[in-house]
Protein backbone atom coordinates (compact mmCIF):
# COMPACT_ATOMS: atom_id res chain seq x y z
CA MET A 1 -20.33 18.00 20.45
CA GLY A 2 -22.53 17.91 23.54
CA SER A 3 -23.22 15.11 25.97
CA PRO A 4 -25.32 12.06 25.02
CA ARG A 5 -28.12 13.42 27.25
CA LEU A 6 -28.01 16.82 25.53
CA ARG A 7 -28.20 15.13 22.09
CA THR A 8 -31.20 13.09 23.25
CA GLN A 9 -32.90 16.26 24.51
CA PHE A 10 -32.18 18.00 21.20
CA GLU A 11 -33.64 15.06 19.26
CA LYS A 12 -36.81 15.25 21.38
CA LEU A 13 -37.00 19.03 20.96
CA HIS A 14 -36.50 18.85 17.18
CA LYS A 15 -39.11 16.13 16.76
CA HIS A 16 -41.72 18.21 18.62
CA TYR A 17 -41.01 21.72 17.32
CA HIS A 18 -39.26 21.46 13.94
CA ARG A 19 -42.46 22.08 11.97
CA SER A 20 -43.58 25.11 13.98
CA SER A 21 -41.08 26.68 16.36
CA ALA A 22 -42.29 30.28 16.59
CA GLY A 23 -44.13 31.39 19.69
CA VAL A 24 -43.06 28.63 22.09
CA GLN A 25 -43.45 28.72 25.84
CA ILE A 26 -40.55 27.91 28.17
CA ASP A 27 -42.93 25.99 30.41
CA ASP A 28 -43.99 23.74 27.50
CA ILE A 29 -40.34 22.97 26.69
CA ALA A 30 -39.67 22.25 30.37
CA ASP A 31 -42.55 19.78 30.41
CA LEU A 32 -41.30 18.15 27.20
CA LEU A 33 -37.76 17.73 28.53
CA CYS A 34 -38.89 16.89 32.07
CA CYS A 35 -36.76 19.72 33.50
CA THR A 36 -37.25 22.71 35.75
CA ARG A 37 -37.50 26.14 34.10
CA ARG A 38 -33.98 26.92 35.34
CA ASN A 39 -32.49 23.70 33.91
CA THR A 40 -34.41 24.19 30.67
CA ARG A 41 -32.76 27.58 30.16
CA MET A 42 -29.34 25.97 30.75
CA VAL A 43 -30.14 23.20 28.24
CA LEU A 44 -31.25 25.72 25.60
CA LYS A 45 -28.12 27.80 26.15
CA LYS A 46 -25.91 24.73 25.66
CA MET A 47 -27.75 23.90 22.44
CA SER A 48 -27.23 27.49 21.29
CA ASP A 49 -23.52 27.24 22.11
CA GLU A 50 -23.31 24.07 20.00
CA GLN A 51 -25.02 26.05 17.19
CA TRP A 52 -27.88 23.60 16.99
CA ILE A 53 -30.59 26.19 17.65
CA VAL A 54 -31.24 29.90 17.89
CA TRP A 55 -33.10 30.70 21.11
CA ARG A 56 -34.63 34.16 21.64
CA PRO A 57 -36.29 34.17 25.06
CA ALA A 58 -39.17 36.54 25.63
CA VAL A 59 -39.05 38.98 28.54
CA GLY A 60 -41.75 38.36 31.11
CA ARG A 61 -43.72 35.34 32.30
CA GLY A 62 -46.30 33.92 29.88
CA LYS A 63 -44.84 35.56 26.79
CA SER A 64 -43.87 33.46 23.76
CA SER A 65 -40.22 32.93 22.86
CA ILE A 66 -38.69 32.16 19.45
CA LEU A 67 -36.97 28.82 18.77
CA GLU A 68 -35.20 28.25 15.43
CA PHE A 69 -33.35 25.10 14.38
CA ILE A 70 -30.07 25.50 12.52
CA SER A 71 -29.17 21.84 12.70
CA THR A 72 -30.89 18.46 12.74
CA PRO A 73 -30.33 15.34 14.87
CA ASP A 74 -29.03 13.53 11.78
CA HIS A 75 -26.49 16.27 11.18
CA VAL A 76 -25.45 16.28 14.83
CA TYR A 77 -24.91 12.52 14.90
CA SER A 78 -23.13 12.63 11.54
CA ALA A 79 -20.76 15.34 12.78
CA LEU A 80 -20.09 13.35 15.95
CA ALA A 81 -19.42 10.18 13.93
CA LYS A 82 -17.11 12.16 11.64
CA ARG A 83 -15.12 13.35 14.64
CA SER A 84 -14.86 9.78 15.90
CA ILE A 85 -13.60 8.65 12.48
CA GLU A 86 -10.96 11.40 12.52
CA ASP A 87 -9.88 10.10 15.93
CA GLY A 88 -9.66 6.57 14.52
CA LYS A 89 -12.59 5.33 16.65
CA LEU A 90 -14.57 3.50 13.99
CA ASP A 91 -16.38 1.33 16.53
CA VAL A 92 -17.66 4.47 18.30
CA ALA A 93 -18.69 6.02 14.97
CA LEU A 94 -20.57 2.86 14.00
CA GLU A 95 -22.38 2.85 17.35
CA ILE A 96 -23.37 6.51 16.89
CA LEU A 97 -24.79 5.61 13.46
CA ASP A 98 -26.82 2.73 14.98
CA GLY A 99 -24.70 0.10 13.26
CA ASN A 100 -25.37 1.45 9.75
CA GLN A 101 -22.22 0.38 7.84
CA ASP A 102 -23.35 2.05 4.60
CA ALA A 103 -23.64 5.37 6.43
CA LEU A 104 -20.22 4.79 7.99
CA LEU A 105 -18.61 4.11 4.60
CA GLU A 106 -20.22 7.18 3.06
CA LEU A 107 -18.95 9.29 5.92
CA ILE A 108 -15.44 7.82 5.58
CA HIS A 109 -15.35 8.70 1.89
CA ASN A 110 -16.53 12.24 2.66
CA VAL A 111 -13.76 12.71 5.22
CA LEU A 112 -11.05 11.32 2.94
CA GLY A 113 -9.77 12.69 -0.34
CA VAL A 114 -8.47 16.17 -1.09
CA SER A 115 -8.78 19.00 1.41
CA HIS A 116 -7.28 22.38 2.23
CA GLU A 117 -6.36 22.85 5.87
CA LYS A 118 -4.76 26.04 7.18
CA GLY A 119 -3.55 26.95 3.71
CA LYS A 120 -2.07 23.49 3.10
CA GLN A 121 -3.05 20.98 0.43
CA VAL A 122 -3.71 17.62 2.09
CA VAL A 123 -4.54 14.27 0.54
CA LYS A 124 -6.09 11.65 2.83
CA LEU A 125 -6.00 8.02 1.75
CA PRO A 126 -7.57 4.93 3.36
CA TYR A 127 -5.61 1.78 4.09
CA TYR A 128 -6.52 -1.43 5.85
CA ARG A 129 -3.38 -2.14 7.93
CA GLN A 130 -0.52 -0.44 9.74
CA LEU A 131 2.59 0.59 7.84
CA HIS A 132 5.32 0.25 10.45
CA ILE A 133 8.09 -1.37 8.39
CA LEU A 134 9.50 1.42 6.23
CA LYS A 135 13.17 0.53 6.33
CA PRO A 136 14.29 -0.20 2.73
CA ALA A 137 16.11 -3.42 3.64
CA LEU A 138 12.95 -4.83 5.30
CA ALA A 139 10.27 -3.55 2.89
CA ILE A 140 9.07 -6.96 1.73
CA ARG A 141 5.47 -5.91 1.02
CA ARG A 142 4.49 -3.89 -2.03
CA SER A 143 2.90 -0.94 -0.23
CA GLU A 144 5.96 -0.45 1.95
CA GLN A 145 8.18 -0.62 -1.15
CA HIS A 146 6.13 2.19 -2.71
CA LEU A 147 6.33 4.36 0.41
CA VAL A 148 10.10 3.82 0.63
CA GLN A 149 10.36 5.56 -2.75
CA GLN A 150 8.69 8.67 -1.27
CA ILE A 151 10.88 8.84 1.84
CA PHE A 152 14.33 7.88 0.53
CA ASN A 153 16.65 8.45 -2.42
CA GLY A 154 19.13 6.20 -4.14
CA LEU A 155 22.23 7.16 -6.08
CA THR A 156 20.22 6.58 -9.27
CA GLN A 157 16.55 6.08 -10.09
CA TRP A 158 14.26 4.84 -12.86
CA ASN A 159 11.91 7.28 -14.54
CA LYS A 160 8.41 6.40 -15.78
CA ARG A 161 9.79 5.14 -19.10
CA GLY A 162 12.14 2.79 -17.25
CA ASP A 163 15.27 4.76 -18.16
CA ILE A 164 18.01 5.26 -15.60
CA GLU A 165 18.59 8.82 -14.37
CA GLY A 166 20.36 10.64 -11.58
CA ASP A 167 19.08 10.96 -8.03
CA ILE A 168 21.61 11.68 -5.27
CA ALA A 169 24.29 11.17 -7.91
CA HIS A 170 23.99 13.82 -10.64
CA HIS A 171 26.51 12.18 -13.00
CA TRP A 172 28.45 8.92 -13.15
CA GLU A 173 30.76 6.99 -15.41
CA MET A 174 32.04 3.47 -15.86
CA LEU A 175 35.82 3.78 -15.78
CA ALA A 176 35.99 0.02 -16.29
CA PRO A 177 33.42 -2.81 -15.95
CA THR A 178 34.78 -3.31 -12.43
CA HIS A 179 35.18 0.39 -11.56
CA TRP A 180 32.25 2.84 -11.39
CA ARG A 181 32.49 6.49 -10.32
CA PHE A 182 29.53 8.54 -9.04
CA TYR A 183 29.44 12.32 -8.54
CA ILE A 184 27.28 13.23 -5.53
CA ARG A 185 25.09 16.33 -5.17
CA PRO A 186 26.53 18.68 -2.54
CA SER A 187 24.70 19.60 0.65
CA VAL A 188 22.10 16.84 0.55
CA SER A 189 20.57 16.57 4.01
CA PHE A 190 18.51 13.98 5.85
CA HIS A 191 15.11 14.84 7.29
CA ASP A 192 16.68 15.51 10.69
CA GLY A 193 19.01 18.13 9.20
CA LYS A 194 22.17 15.99 9.19
CA LEU A 195 24.19 16.29 5.99
CA LEU A 196 24.63 13.19 3.86
CA SER A 197 28.18 11.85 4.15
CA PHE A 198 30.39 9.32 2.40
CA GLU A 199 30.03 7.01 5.41
CA ASP A 200 26.25 6.94 4.99
CA ILE A 201 26.56 5.74 1.41
CA LYS A 202 29.36 3.30 2.20
CA GLU A 203 27.54 1.68 5.14
CA THR A 204 24.33 1.39 3.12
CA PHE A 205 26.01 -0.71 0.43
CA LEU A 206 28.28 -2.69 2.73
CA SER A 207 25.13 -3.88 4.51
CA LEU A 208 23.77 -5.09 1.14
CA ARG A 209 26.71 -7.29 0.17
CA ALA A 210 24.92 -10.42 1.37
CA ASN A 211 22.48 -9.79 -1.48
CA PHE A 212 23.37 -11.52 -4.78
CA VAL A 213 22.91 -8.28 -6.71
CA PHE A 214 25.57 -6.47 -4.66
CA LYS A 215 27.83 -9.27 -3.48
CA HIS A 216 30.46 -8.34 -6.11
CA ILE A 217 31.14 -4.98 -4.39
CA LYS A 218 34.76 -5.29 -3.27
CA GLU A 219 35.50 -1.79 -2.03
CA ILE A 220 33.88 1.64 -1.74
CA VAL A 221 36.19 4.66 -1.64
CA SER A 222 35.98 8.44 -1.97
CA PRO A 223 38.88 9.82 -4.04
CA ASN A 224 37.60 13.38 -3.71
CA LEU A 225 34.86 15.44 -2.09
CA ASN A 226 31.44 14.33 -3.36
CA VAL A 227 32.98 11.60 -5.49
CA ILE A 228 32.45 7.90 -4.74
CA ASP A 229 34.09 4.93 -6.46
CA PHE A 230 32.74 1.37 -6.43
CA LEU A 231 35.33 -1.33 -7.07
CA LEU A 232 33.84 -4.67 -8.10
CA ASP A 233 35.32 -8.15 -8.29
CA LYS A 234 33.21 -9.03 -11.37
CA ASP A 235 32.45 -7.13 -14.56
CA ASP A 236 29.15 -5.27 -14.38
CA HIS A 237 28.09 -3.07 -17.28
CA TYR A 238 24.74 -2.22 -15.66
CA PHE A 239 25.75 -1.43 -12.09
CA ASP A 240 24.14 2.03 -12.29
CA SER A 241 20.72 0.49 -12.92
CA LYS A 242 21.03 -1.83 -9.93
CA LEU A 243 21.49 1.16 -7.63
CA ALA A 244 17.94 2.29 -8.40
CA GLN A 245 16.35 -0.65 -6.55
CA PHE A 246 14.12 0.06 -3.55
CA ASN A 247 16.48 -1.73 -1.13
CA ALA A 248 19.45 0.37 -2.31
CA LYS A 249 18.10 3.62 -0.86
CA ILE A 250 20.58 5.57 1.27
CA ILE A 251 20.02 5.61 5.03
CA PRO A 252 22.11 7.23 7.78
CA ALA A 253 25.07 5.13 8.91
CA SER A 254 24.04 5.53 12.54
CA VAL A 255 20.64 3.87 12.16
CA HIS A 256 21.63 0.43 10.88
CA ILE A 257 21.11 -0.84 14.43
CA ALA A 258 18.42 1.64 15.55
CA GLN A 259 15.39 0.00 17.16
CA ASP A 260 12.55 2.26 15.98
CA TYR A 261 13.95 3.25 12.60
CA SER A 262 11.54 1.08 10.59
CA ARG A 263 8.50 2.90 12.00
CA LEU A 264 9.96 6.42 11.99
CA PRO A 265 12.60 6.36 9.24
CA ILE A 266 14.87 9.23 8.33
CA GLY A 267 15.69 9.60 4.66
CA THR A 268 16.55 12.34 2.19
CA GLY A 269 13.41 12.02 0.05
CA PRO A 270 10.67 14.48 -0.92
CA TYR A 271 8.50 13.42 2.03
CA LYS A 272 9.36 12.82 5.65
CA VAL A 273 7.44 10.85 8.26
CA SER A 274 5.93 13.15 10.88
CA GLU A 275 3.65 10.56 12.50
CA ASN A 276 3.28 6.79 12.26
CA THR A 277 0.86 5.34 14.78
CA GLU A 278 -1.66 2.53 14.84
CA LYS A 279 -4.25 4.91 13.41
CA LYS A 280 -2.42 7.13 10.95
CA LEU A 281 0.72 7.58 8.84
CA ILE A 282 1.41 11.22 8.01
CA LEU A 283 3.99 12.29 5.44
CA VAL A 284 4.82 15.98 5.09
CA ALA A 285 6.72 17.71 2.33
CA ASN A 286 10.46 17.98 2.93
CA GLU A 287 11.12 21.73 2.79
CA ASN A 288 14.87 21.12 2.40
CA TYR A 289 14.59 18.58 -0.42
CA PHE A 290 17.43 18.87 -2.94
CA GLY A 291 15.00 18.32 -5.83
CA TYR A 292 11.66 19.95 -6.61
CA ARG A 293 9.60 20.43 -3.47
CA PRO A 294 6.39 18.34 -3.58
CA LEU A 295 3.25 20.28 -4.54
CA ILE A 296 1.12 18.33 -2.05
CA ASP A 297 1.92 19.57 1.46
CA SER A 298 0.83 16.48 3.35
CA VAL A 299 -0.32 12.92 2.69
CA GLU A 300 -2.27 11.20 5.44
CA VAL A 301 -2.79 7.45 5.29
CA TRP A 302 -5.69 6.52 7.58
CA ILE A 303 -5.55 3.01 8.99
CA LEU A 304 -9.07 1.58 8.88
CA PRO A 305 -8.76 -2.14 9.67
CA GLU A 306 -12.41 -2.52 10.68
CA VAL A 307 -13.61 -1.72 7.15
CA ALA A 308 -13.13 -4.29 4.40
CA PRO A 309 -10.50 -2.99 1.94
CA ILE A 310 -12.76 -3.73 -1.04
CA GLN A 311 -15.21 -1.16 0.36
CA LEU A 312 -12.62 1.62 0.64
CA LYS A 313 -12.71 3.54 -2.60
CA LEU A 314 -11.25 6.88 -3.50
CA GLY A 315 -10.85 8.72 -6.77
CA LEU A 316 -7.25 7.54 -6.68
CA GLU A 317 -7.95 3.82 -6.53
CA VAL A 318 -8.92 1.21 -9.07
CA TYR A 319 -12.51 1.66 -10.18
CA GLU A 320 -14.72 -0.76 -8.29
CA ASN A 321 -17.42 -1.74 -10.75
CA SER A 322 -16.88 -5.06 -12.44
CA GLU A 323 -19.77 -4.39 -14.83
CA LEU A 324 -17.74 -1.65 -16.50
CA SER A 325 -14.88 -2.27 -18.84
CA PRO A 326 -11.51 -0.88 -17.78
CA THR A 327 -11.62 1.85 -20.42
CA THR A 328 -15.11 2.90 -19.27
CA ALA A 329 -13.93 3.07 -15.68
CA TYR A 330 -10.66 4.86 -16.15
CA GLY A 331 -11.08 6.87 -19.31
CA GLU A 332 -7.72 7.21 -21.02
CA LYS A 333 -5.60 6.81 -17.89
CA VAL A 334 -5.68 3.04 -17.68
CA ASP A 335 -2.68 0.76 -17.72
CA VAL A 336 -1.68 -2.61 -16.32
CA ASP A 337 0.37 -2.84 -13.14
CA ARG A 338 3.85 -4.24 -13.81
CA GLY A 339 3.56 -7.32 -11.70
CA CYS A 340 1.13 -10.00 -10.62
CA SER A 341 -0.20 -12.13 -7.80
CA TYR A 342 1.17 -15.65 -7.96
CA ILE A 343 1.53 -19.01 -6.25
CA LEU A 344 5.05 -19.91 -5.16
CA PHE A 345 5.78 -23.61 -4.70
CA ASN A 346 8.26 -24.97 -2.18
CA ARG A 347 10.16 -27.32 -4.47
CA LYS A 348 13.09 -27.52 -2.09
CA SER A 349 11.59 -29.03 1.07
CA GLY A 350 7.79 -29.02 0.61
CA LEU A 351 5.32 -31.37 -1.05
CA PRO A 352 5.92 -29.88 -4.55
CA GLN A 353 9.45 -31.31 -4.57
CA ASP A 354 7.59 -34.46 -5.60
CA GLU A 355 6.74 -34.27 -9.32
CA ASN A 356 3.26 -35.75 -8.88
CA TRP A 357 2.37 -33.31 -6.10
CA LYS A 358 3.69 -30.38 -8.13
CA THR A 359 1.67 -31.39 -11.18
CA TYR A 360 -1.47 -31.98 -9.15
CA LEU A 361 -1.28 -28.59 -7.40
CA THR A 362 -0.43 -26.58 -10.53
CA GLN A 363 -3.28 -28.16 -12.49
CA THR A 364 -5.80 -27.98 -9.65
CA ILE A 365 -5.20 -24.42 -8.40
CA THR A 366 -5.62 -22.32 -11.55
CA PRO A 367 -6.15 -18.58 -11.99
CA LEU A 368 -9.39 -19.17 -13.91
CA LEU A 369 -10.79 -21.18 -11.00
CA LEU A 370 -9.85 -18.48 -8.48
CA LEU A 371 -11.15 -15.61 -10.63
CA SER A 372 -14.45 -17.39 -11.19
CA GLU A 373 -14.93 -17.90 -7.46
CA LEU A 374 -13.93 -14.29 -6.74
CA GLU A 375 -16.60 -13.08 -9.15
CA ASN A 376 -19.16 -15.29 -7.41
CA ALA A 377 -18.14 -13.62 -4.14
CA ASN A 378 -18.51 -10.14 -5.71
CA MET A 379 -14.79 -9.54 -5.14
CA ASN A 380 -13.47 -9.01 -8.67
CA GLY A 381 -14.36 -5.34 -8.67
CA ILE A 382 -10.77 -4.69 -7.62
CA GLY A 383 -9.63 -4.88 -11.25
CA LEU A 384 -8.03 -8.32 -11.59
CA PHE A 385 -7.68 -10.38 -14.75
CA ASN A 386 -6.02 -13.65 -15.67
CA ALA A 387 -2.21 -13.64 -15.89
CA TYR A 388 -0.51 -15.70 -18.62
CA GLY A 389 2.96 -14.77 -17.39
CA LEU A 390 4.70 -13.08 -14.48
CA LEU A 391 4.60 -9.70 -16.23
CA PRO A 392 1.91 -8.22 -18.50
CA GLY A 393 2.52 -9.20 -22.11
CA LEU A 394 4.32 -12.44 -21.30
CA GLN A 395 2.42 -15.58 -22.34
CA HIS A 396 4.40 -18.39 -20.81
CA CYS A 397 1.30 -20.13 -19.43
CA LEU A 398 -0.58 -20.36 -22.73
CA ASN A 399 -1.04 -23.72 -24.46
CA ARG A 400 0.87 -25.64 -21.82
CA PRO A 401 0.32 -29.38 -22.20
CA GLN A 402 -1.58 -31.11 -19.42
CA LYS A 403 0.48 -33.71 -17.59
CA LYS A 404 -0.95 -36.88 -16.16
CA CYS A 405 -0.91 -37.14 -12.39
CA GLU A 406 -2.51 -39.16 -9.66
CA ILE A 407 -4.65 -37.59 -6.97
CA PRO A 408 -2.60 -37.74 -3.75
CA ASN A 409 -3.75 -39.88 -0.85
CA LYS A 410 -6.88 -38.70 0.92
CA GLY A 411 -6.15 -37.00 4.20
CA SER A 412 -2.85 -35.58 2.94
CA VAL A 413 -2.14 -32.13 4.40
CA VAL A 414 -0.97 -29.13 2.36
CA HIS A 415 0.33 -26.04 4.18
CA LEU A 416 -0.47 -22.65 2.61
CA GLY A 417 1.27 -19.45 3.73
CA TYR A 418 0.61 -15.77 3.05
CA GLU A 419 1.15 -12.44 4.72
CA ASN A 420 -1.25 -11.47 7.47
CA GLU A 421 -3.76 -8.62 7.01
CA HIS A 422 -4.23 -9.07 3.28
CA PRO A 423 -7.58 -8.20 1.64
CA LEU A 424 -7.60 -11.06 -0.86
CA TYR A 425 -5.48 -13.97 0.33
CA PRO A 426 -7.82 -15.28 3.08
CA LEU A 427 -10.62 -15.58 0.52
CA LEU A 428 -8.29 -17.27 -1.99
CA GLY A 429 -7.25 -19.64 0.80
CA LYS A 430 -10.88 -20.63 1.37
CA ILE A 431 -11.37 -21.25 -2.35
CA ILE A 432 -8.24 -23.42 -2.54
CA LYS A 433 -9.25 -25.26 0.63
CA GLN A 434 -12.65 -26.16 -0.82
CA LYS A 435 -11.13 -27.24 -4.14
CA LEU A 436 -8.59 -29.54 -2.50
CA ALA A 437 -11.24 -30.89 -0.11
CA ASN A 438 -13.12 -32.21 -3.15
CA ASP A 439 -10.20 -34.63 -3.57
CA GLY A 440 -9.93 -35.40 0.13
CA ILE A 441 -6.88 -33.16 0.60
CA VAL A 442 -6.65 -31.03 3.78
CA LEU A 443 -5.38 -27.45 3.51
CA LYS A 444 -3.94 -25.73 6.58
CA VAL A 445 -3.60 -21.98 6.29
CA HIS A 446 -0.77 -20.02 7.95
CA PRO A 447 -0.97 -16.18 7.97
CA PHE A 448 2.43 -14.64 8.79
CA GLU A 449 3.37 -11.32 10.29
CA THR A 450 5.46 -9.30 7.86
CA LEU A 451 8.89 -9.84 9.41
CA ASP A 452 8.13 -13.51 9.98
CA LEU A 453 8.00 -13.92 6.20
CA LEU A 454 11.81 -13.53 6.30
CA ASP A 455 12.31 -16.15 9.00
CA GLU A 456 13.38 -19.44 7.38
CA GLU A 457 12.75 -21.44 10.54
CA LYS A 458 9.18 -20.20 10.98
CA THR A 459 8.32 -20.70 7.30
CA ALA A 460 10.09 -24.03 6.77
CA ASN A 461 6.93 -26.20 6.72
CA ILE A 462 5.04 -24.19 4.08
CA ASP A 463 4.32 -26.06 0.83
CA ILE A 464 2.77 -23.26 -1.24
CA TRP A 465 2.68 -19.48 -0.89
CA LEU A 466 0.28 -16.80 -2.05
CA ARG A 467 2.47 -13.84 -2.94
CA GLY A 468 2.50 -10.74 -5.12
CA MET A 469 4.94 -8.39 -6.78
CA SER A 470 4.78 -4.98 -8.42
CA LEU A 471 7.90 -3.67 -10.15
CA GLY A 472 6.58 -0.09 -10.29
CA THR A 473 8.60 0.72 -13.42
CA GLN A 474 8.98 -0.28 -17.05
CA CYS A 475 12.64 -1.09 -16.45
CA PRO A 476 13.10 -4.89 -16.70
CA GLU A 477 16.08 -4.85 -14.30
CA ALA A 478 13.60 -4.08 -11.50
CA LEU A 479 12.95 -7.83 -11.52
CA LEU A 480 16.27 -8.18 -9.66
CA SER A 481 14.91 -6.62 -6.50
CA TRP A 482 12.02 -9.09 -6.48
CA LEU A 483 14.31 -12.05 -7.11
CA PHE A 484 17.11 -11.20 -4.68
CA ALA A 485 16.15 -8.47 -2.19
CA PHE A 486 14.88 -11.25 0.07
CA ASN A 487 15.46 -14.99 -0.08
CA GLU A 488 11.85 -15.93 -0.76
CA ILE A 489 12.60 -17.55 -4.13
CA GLU A 490 15.98 -19.03 -3.27
CA ARG A 491 14.83 -20.84 -0.11
CA VAL A 492 12.07 -22.78 -1.95
CA MET A 493 13.86 -23.42 -5.26
CA PRO A 494 16.27 -26.30 -5.92
CA GLU A 495 19.85 -25.02 -5.87
CA ASP A 496 20.65 -26.00 -9.47
CA ASP A 497 17.55 -24.20 -10.75
CA PHE A 498 18.31 -21.05 -8.78
CA ASN A 499 21.92 -21.11 -9.96
CA HIS A 500 20.62 -21.24 -13.53
CA ILE A 501 18.85 -17.90 -13.01
CA SER A 502 21.91 -16.43 -11.28
CA LEU A 503 24.05 -17.49 -14.24
CA LEU A 504 21.71 -15.75 -16.70
CA ILE A 505 22.15 -12.52 -14.72
CA GLU A 506 25.93 -12.85 -14.50
CA GLU A 507 26.12 -13.38 -18.27
CA TRP A 508 23.98 -10.29 -18.82
CA GLN A 509 25.96 -7.98 -16.53
CA SER A 510 29.29 -9.09 -17.97
CA SER A 511 28.33 -8.23 -21.55
CA PRO A 512 27.87 -4.67 -22.90
CA GLN A 513 24.83 -3.80 -25.00
CA ARG A 514 22.85 -6.84 -23.93
CA TYR A 515 19.19 -6.93 -23.00
CA PHE A 516 18.23 -8.00 -19.50
CA PRO A 517 16.97 -11.62 -19.72
CA VAL A 518 13.55 -10.89 -18.25
CA ASN A 519 11.74 -13.17 -20.71
CA GLU A 520 14.11 -16.09 -20.12
CA ILE A 521 13.92 -15.76 -16.32
CA CYS A 522 10.14 -15.49 -16.18
CA ARG A 523 9.70 -18.39 -18.60
CA TYR A 524 12.07 -20.57 -16.61
CA LEU A 525 10.23 -19.89 -13.33
CA VAL A 526 6.96 -20.94 -14.94
CA ASP A 527 8.25 -23.88 -16.97
CA CYS A 528 10.03 -25.54 -14.04
CA GLY A 529 6.84 -25.29 -11.95
CA GLN A 530 8.31 -22.86 -9.43
CA ILE A 531 5.60 -20.24 -9.89
CA THR A 532 2.04 -20.12 -11.19
CA PRO A 533 1.07 -16.55 -12.18
CA LEU A 534 -2.50 -15.77 -11.09
CA PHE A 535 -3.69 -12.22 -11.76
CA HIS A 536 -2.63 -8.89 -13.16
CA GLY A 537 -4.37 -5.71 -12.04
CA TRP A 538 -5.55 -2.56 -13.77
CA MET A 539 -4.08 0.66 -12.51
CA GLY A 540 -5.34 4.18 -13.00
CA ILE A 541 -7.72 6.73 -11.53
CA SER A 542 -11.42 7.26 -11.93
CA GLU A 543 -11.69 10.71 -13.44
CA ASP A 544 -15.39 10.86 -12.73
CA VAL A 545 -14.83 10.43 -9.00
CA ASN A 546 -12.07 12.93 -8.41
CA ASN A 547 -10.69 15.07 -11.23
CA SER A 548 -8.90 17.63 -9.06
CA ILE A 549 -5.86 15.35 -8.68
CA GLN A 550 -3.51 15.95 -11.58
CA ASN A 551 -0.72 13.72 -12.90
CA ALA A 552 -1.81 10.79 -10.73
CA SER A 553 -1.28 7.29 -12.06
CA CYS A 554 -1.97 4.57 -9.51
CA ASN A 555 -0.48 1.13 -9.31
CA GLY A 556 -2.65 -1.92 -8.73
CA LEU A 557 -2.71 -1.25 -4.97
CA GLY A 558 -4.08 2.28 -5.35
CA TRP A 559 -0.79 4.07 -4.59
CA PHE A 560 0.56 6.92 -6.70
CA ASP A 561 3.74 8.96 -6.73
CA PHE A 562 3.01 11.69 -4.15
CA ASN A 563 5.91 13.79 -5.39
CA THR A 564 4.55 14.31 -8.89
CA VAL A 565 0.86 15.05 -8.31
CA TRP A 566 -0.84 18.36 -7.71
CA ILE A 567 -4.34 19.61 -6.97
CA LYS A 568 -6.07 21.69 -9.61
CA PRO A 569 -8.26 24.36 -7.99
CA ASN A 570 -11.94 24.50 -8.89
CA ILE A 571 -12.30 27.99 -10.39
């Protein structure tokens, strides 16, 4: 790309000769560049090698040469900035562009998207933070949970309609409510070539028995080749659906104690991790996948922490124009993400265990307040709207009577926690802080690293949490993974209240032909003041921005199922 001095010389040359470059004298160029004739020839040759100019020197002293420009300084600097972006050096790119952030964003969007490289179809997506925790049992954040689905398989899975279907298991049967048999596909291999074994499946589920959903697993045996039996100590008529959860994906038995497995996981899924650094996550199609091979050869997730997430837009993300209605933005491909952002109250050991504090906080921090302030900050272009329940369609927050409460003592301190590196929570924290300050209440904000969210000791002093969930399926049983995959709800909820929810689930699983109590659970969490739902999000793609991606339906975070999309050629 040439040295900085060469680029400066080219800029000077272009400014002087771009209008009339025929019949130039080498001596005049030497004077312009303050070089000797010999050095001037070297400079012109280097510019020719970079394909910035065409230089046809005349033979003989005093004769005119021909200088033609095939590039411009703007193009040269843009190409150099593009190369810096591809190398993950956004600070260098911004410096090259003289601090012009709009130019940087435009260049980022030109680099990302759909491309064809060496005969391969590649999709490049922007993201604002690193994705180094891709082990199913530790995937507490929603983006990691989505990526886990691309890298791993479970015994069963949910389809788009929310129905249960086979994955690694091609058939199964309930021999009794406490005895389930699964028939495993033969010759399934992990990304490293190792064949899936009975021990891999057994160790995966034995490690999950501390989880309420799987604690009734008594024994796992293999009565025959590619046949696995689960023996339970409680009746469970819906055990097959539970095996579709994101934390029930099968991992090799040998990696349960591996140090670097979360960053470079090995699964059996349609995509395998080929690179996961601070700058880029690259997934490539698994050529030995037991199902249909993905049609997209590679998915690159570019980590761009220096750019605000709200500014990163792609044809695959929520449409970022709050002046347009959702149907205008998305055409016919709009839907609502199955989940919400919410406030979680620590009713076990925090301030909300006091009824007055709980009432004050729930009636002071409202979704309408937060949405209004987000709109004032030009931040609601990310497709949020008021949530009246934990899931779209539920209306458990409507027409709730206002309770009387006293404003707590001035100077009281409330501790707010949320995950670090989140595009929205810091701004919501500022809004809440200002609102509470109006009543003389002090808010202290605590951003947590991802794994620290699971540490009860580090999170013990938090009174309220900003959290989010996305079920990613129409199947109501997916709520189980949110409730029980981690202990986030249990550790802040009074024991009797949490046992009430557990009892609802045990009654459901012990009875055939019974609907999952999703409505009862979500209503109870709202009515007891455990959770305040905040926002739902639109999901879809902007057809006007990028219509070459086919079969893509994004969730509220902008992710889509890599395994099902394809690129339609422009013919």
